[in-house]
């Protein structure tokens, strides 16, 4: 619980939307003969946050391996 898992889920959902959901929605709309005006999420703002969190997660693993972590 906390801000880090929340931001991770938000960034993960945006990535899933861009690379899976959007393409599936446009494909399904095309099969139905409809045209959708859906835009991809702006990953330019989210990727630095996600990559920063992944970097911080790596530092946390390093701390745990060296037994510096709090109990």
N, C-alpha and C. Protein backbone atom coordinates (compact mmCIF):
# COMPACT_ATOMS: atom_id res chain seq x y z
N UNK A 1 0.84 -1.18 0.00
CA UNK A 1 0.00 0.00 0.00
C UNK A 1 0.89 1.24 0.00
N UNK A 2 0.40 2.27 -0.58
CA UNK A 2 1.17 3.51 -0.63
C UNK A 2 1.22 4.08 -2.04
N UNK A 3 2.01 5.12 -2.17
CA UNK A 3 2.05 5.83 -3.45
C UNK A 3 2.81 5.06 -4.51
N UNK A 4 3.85 4.33 -4.15
CA UNK A 4 4.66 3.65 -5.16
C UNK A 4 3.87 2.58 -5.91
N UNK A 5 3.14 1.69 -5.20
CA UNK A 5 2.34 0.71 -5.96
C UNK A 5 1.25 1.37 -6.80
N UNK A 6 0.66 2.44 -6.28
CA UNK A 6 -0.38 3.14 -7.04
C UNK A 6 0.18 3.70 -8.34
N UNK A 7 1.32 4.39 -8.25
CA UNK A 7 1.93 4.96 -9.45
C UNK A 7 2.36 3.84 -10.40
N UNK A 8 2.84 2.75 -9.85
CA UNK A 8 3.22 1.61 -10.69
C UNK A 8 2.04 1.06 -11.45
N UNK A 9 0.90 0.91 -10.77
CA UNK A 9 -0.31 0.41 -11.44
C UNK A 9 -0.82 1.40 -12.49
N UNK A 10 -0.75 2.68 -12.20
CA UNK A 10 -1.21 3.69 -13.17
C UNK A 10 -0.32 3.66 -14.41
N UNK A 11 0.99 3.62 -14.22
CA UNK A 11 1.90 3.56 -15.37
C UNK A 11 1.75 2.24 -16.12
N UNK A 12 1.56 1.15 -15.39
CA UNK A 12 1.35 -0.14 -16.03
C UNK A 12 0.07 -0.17 -16.84
N UNK A 13 -0.99 0.43 -16.30
CA UNK A 13 -2.27 0.50 -17.03
C UNK A 13 -2.13 1.35 -18.29
N UNK A 14 -1.38 2.44 -18.21
CA UNK A 14 -1.17 3.28 -19.38
C UNK A 14 -0.38 2.54 -20.45
N UNK A 15 0.64 1.80 -20.04
CA UNK A 15 1.41 1.00 -21.00
C UNK A 15 0.53 -0.07 -21.63
N UNK A 16 -0.28 -0.75 -20.80
CA UNK A 16 -1.18 -1.78 -21.31
C UNK A 16 -2.19 -1.18 -22.29
N UNK A 17 -2.69 0.01 -21.98
CA UNK A 17 -3.64 0.67 -22.88
C UNK A 17 -2.97 0.98 -24.22
N UNK A 18 -1.77 1.56 -24.18
CA UNK A 18 -1.08 1.95 -25.41
C UNK A 18 -0.76 0.77 -26.30
N UNK A 19 -0.27 -0.31 -25.72
CA UNK A 19 0.27 -1.40 -26.53
C UNK A 19 -0.70 -2.56 -26.72
N UNK A 20 -1.75 -2.64 -25.92
CA UNK A 20 -2.69 -3.75 -26.07
C UNK A 20 -4.12 -3.24 -26.25
N UNK A 21 -4.61 -2.50 -25.27
CA UNK A 21 -6.02 -2.07 -25.27
C UNK A 21 -6.41 -1.22 -26.45
N UNK A 22 -5.60 -0.23 -26.77
CA UNK A 22 -5.91 0.67 -27.88
C UNK A 22 -5.99 -0.09 -29.20
N UNK A 23 -5.01 -0.95 -29.44
CA UNK A 23 -5.00 -1.71 -30.69
C UNK A 23 -6.18 -2.67 -30.78
N UNK A 24 -6.52 -3.29 -29.66
CA UNK A 24 -7.68 -4.20 -29.66
C UNK A 24 -8.98 -3.43 -29.88
N UNK A 25 -9.10 -2.26 -29.25
CA UNK A 25 -10.31 -1.45 -29.41
C UNK A 25 -10.46 -0.98 -30.85
N UNK A 26 -9.38 -0.53 -31.44
CA UNK A 26 -9.44 -0.07 -32.83
C UNK A 26 -9.73 -1.23 -33.78
N UNK A 27 -9.16 -2.41 -33.50
CA UNK A 27 -9.42 -3.59 -34.32
C UNK A 27 -10.88 -3.99 -34.22
N UNK A 28 -11.41 -4.04 -33.00
CA UNK A 28 -12.82 -4.42 -32.80
C UNK A 28 -13.75 -3.41 -33.46
N UNK A 29 -13.42 -2.14 -33.35
CA UNK A 29 -14.25 -1.12 -34.00
C UNK A 29 -14.19 -1.26 -35.51
N UNK A 30 -13.02 -1.59 -36.04
CA UNK A 30 -12.89 -1.79 -37.48
C UNK A 30 -13.72 -2.97 -37.96
N UNK A 31 -13.74 -4.05 -37.18
CA UNK A 31 -14.56 -5.21 -37.53
C UNK A 31 -16.05 -4.86 -37.51
N UNK A 32 -16.43 -3.98 -36.60
CA UNK A 32 -17.83 -3.58 -36.49
C UNK A 32 -18.20 -2.49 -37.49
N UNK A 33 -17.23 -2.01 -38.25
CA UNK A 33 -17.49 -0.97 -39.24
C UNK A 33 -17.60 0.41 -38.65
N UNK A 34 -17.07 0.60 -37.47
CA UNK A 34 -17.10 1.91 -36.80
C UNK A 34 -15.70 2.51 -36.82
N UNK A 35 -15.66 3.81 -36.71
CA UNK A 35 -14.38 4.49 -36.61
C UNK A 35 -14.30 5.17 -35.25
N UNK A 36 -13.26 4.83 -34.48
CA UNK A 36 -13.08 5.41 -33.16
C UNK A 36 -11.97 6.45 -33.19
N UNK A 37 -12.17 7.52 -32.46
CA UNK A 37 -11.14 8.55 -32.34
C UNK A 37 -10.52 8.43 -30.95
N UNK A 38 -9.76 7.35 -30.76
CA UNK A 38 -9.10 7.12 -29.48
C UNK A 38 -7.63 7.48 -29.60
N UNK A 39 -7.11 8.13 -28.59
CA UNK A 39 -5.71 8.54 -28.59
C UNK A 39 -4.92 7.70 -27.59
N UNK A 40 -3.67 7.44 -27.88
CA UNK A 40 -2.84 6.74 -26.91
C UNK A 40 -2.53 7.64 -25.72
N UNK A 41 -2.23 7.03 -24.59
CA UNK A 41 -1.83 7.78 -23.40
C UNK A 41 -0.46 8.41 -23.66
N UNK A 42 -0.22 9.54 -23.04
CA UNK A 42 1.05 10.24 -23.22
C UNK A 42 2.11 9.62 -22.31
N UNK A 43 2.89 8.71 -22.87
CA UNK A 43 3.92 8.02 -22.09
C UNK A 43 5.16 8.89 -21.88
N UNK A 44 5.25 9.98 -22.60
CA UNK A 44 6.39 10.88 -22.43
C UNK A 44 6.46 11.46 -21.02
N UNK A 45 5.32 11.61 -20.38
CA UNK A 45 5.29 12.11 -19.01
C UNK A 45 5.37 10.99 -17.99
N UNK A 46 4.91 9.79 -18.35
CA UNK A 46 4.86 8.69 -17.38
C UNK A 46 6.12 7.84 -17.34
N UNK A 47 6.82 7.71 -18.44
CA UNK A 47 7.98 6.82 -18.47
C UNK A 47 9.10 7.27 -17.54
N UNK A 48 9.39 8.59 -17.44
CA UNK A 48 10.42 8.97 -16.46
C UNK A 48 10.05 8.58 -15.03
N UNK A 49 8.76 8.69 -14.70
CA UNK A 49 8.31 8.30 -13.36
C UNK A 49 8.47 6.80 -13.18
N UNK A 50 8.03 6.03 -14.16
CA UNK A 50 8.12 4.57 -14.08
C UNK A 50 9.58 4.11 -14.02
N UNK A 51 10.42 4.66 -14.87
CA UNK A 51 11.83 4.27 -14.88
C UNK A 51 12.52 4.69 -13.60
N UNK A 52 12.15 5.84 -13.06
CA UNK A 52 12.69 6.28 -11.78
C UNK A 52 12.30 5.34 -10.66
N UNK A 53 11.04 4.90 -10.68
CA UNK A 53 10.58 3.96 -9.65
C UNK A 53 11.31 2.63 -9.78
N UNK A 54 11.53 2.17 -10.99
CA UNK A 54 12.24 0.92 -11.19
C UNK A 54 13.68 1.03 -10.69
N UNK A 55 14.28 2.19 -10.89
CA UNK A 55 15.62 2.41 -10.38
C UNK A 55 15.65 2.41 -8.86
N UNK A 56 14.66 3.06 -8.25
CA UNK A 56 14.58 3.08 -6.79
C UNK A 56 14.33 1.68 -6.26
N UNK A 57 13.55 0.89 -6.98
CA UNK A 57 13.31 -0.49 -6.57
C UNK A 57 14.59 -1.30 -6.60
N UNK A 58 15.46 -1.01 -7.55
CA UNK A 58 16.74 -1.69 -7.62
C UNK A 58 17.62 -1.34 -6.43
N UNK A 59 17.59 -0.08 -6.00
CA UNK A 59 18.36 0.32 -4.83
C UNK A 59 17.82 -0.36 -3.58
N UNK A 60 16.52 -0.52 -3.51
CA UNK A 60 15.91 -1.20 -2.36
C UNK A 60 16.35 -2.66 -2.31
N UNK A 61 16.41 -3.31 -3.45
CA UNK A 61 16.89 -4.69 -3.49
C UNK A 61 18.34 -4.77 -3.05
N UNK A 62 19.14 -3.81 -3.48
CA UNK A 62 20.54 -3.76 -3.07
C UNK A 62 20.65 -3.64 -1.55
N UNK A 63 19.81 -2.78 -0.95
CA UNK A 63 19.81 -2.64 0.51
C UNK A 63 19.43 -3.94 1.19
N UNK A 64 18.43 -4.62 0.67
CA UNK A 64 17.99 -5.87 1.27
C UNK A 64 19.08 -6.93 1.19
N UNK A 65 19.78 -6.99 0.07
CA UNK A 65 20.84 -7.99 -0.09
C UNK A 65 22.01 -7.73 0.87
N UNK A 66 22.24 -6.46 1.19
CA UNK A 66 23.32 -6.11 2.10
C UNK A 66 22.85 -5.99 3.55
N UNK A 67 21.63 -6.42 3.83
CA UNK A 67 21.07 -6.44 5.18
C UNK A 67 21.01 -5.06 5.82
N UNK A 68 20.72 -4.03 5.01
CA UNK A 68 20.60 -2.68 5.50
C UNK A 68 19.13 -2.32 5.69
N UNK A 69 18.21 -3.17 5.24
CA UNK A 69 16.79 -2.87 5.26
C UNK A 69 16.25 -2.79 6.69
N UNK A 70 15.20 -1.97 6.83
CA UNK A 70 14.52 -1.86 8.13
C UNK A 70 13.60 -3.04 8.31
N UNK A 71 13.38 -3.39 9.54
CA UNK A 71 12.46 -4.49 9.85
C UNK A 71 11.09 -3.93 10.12
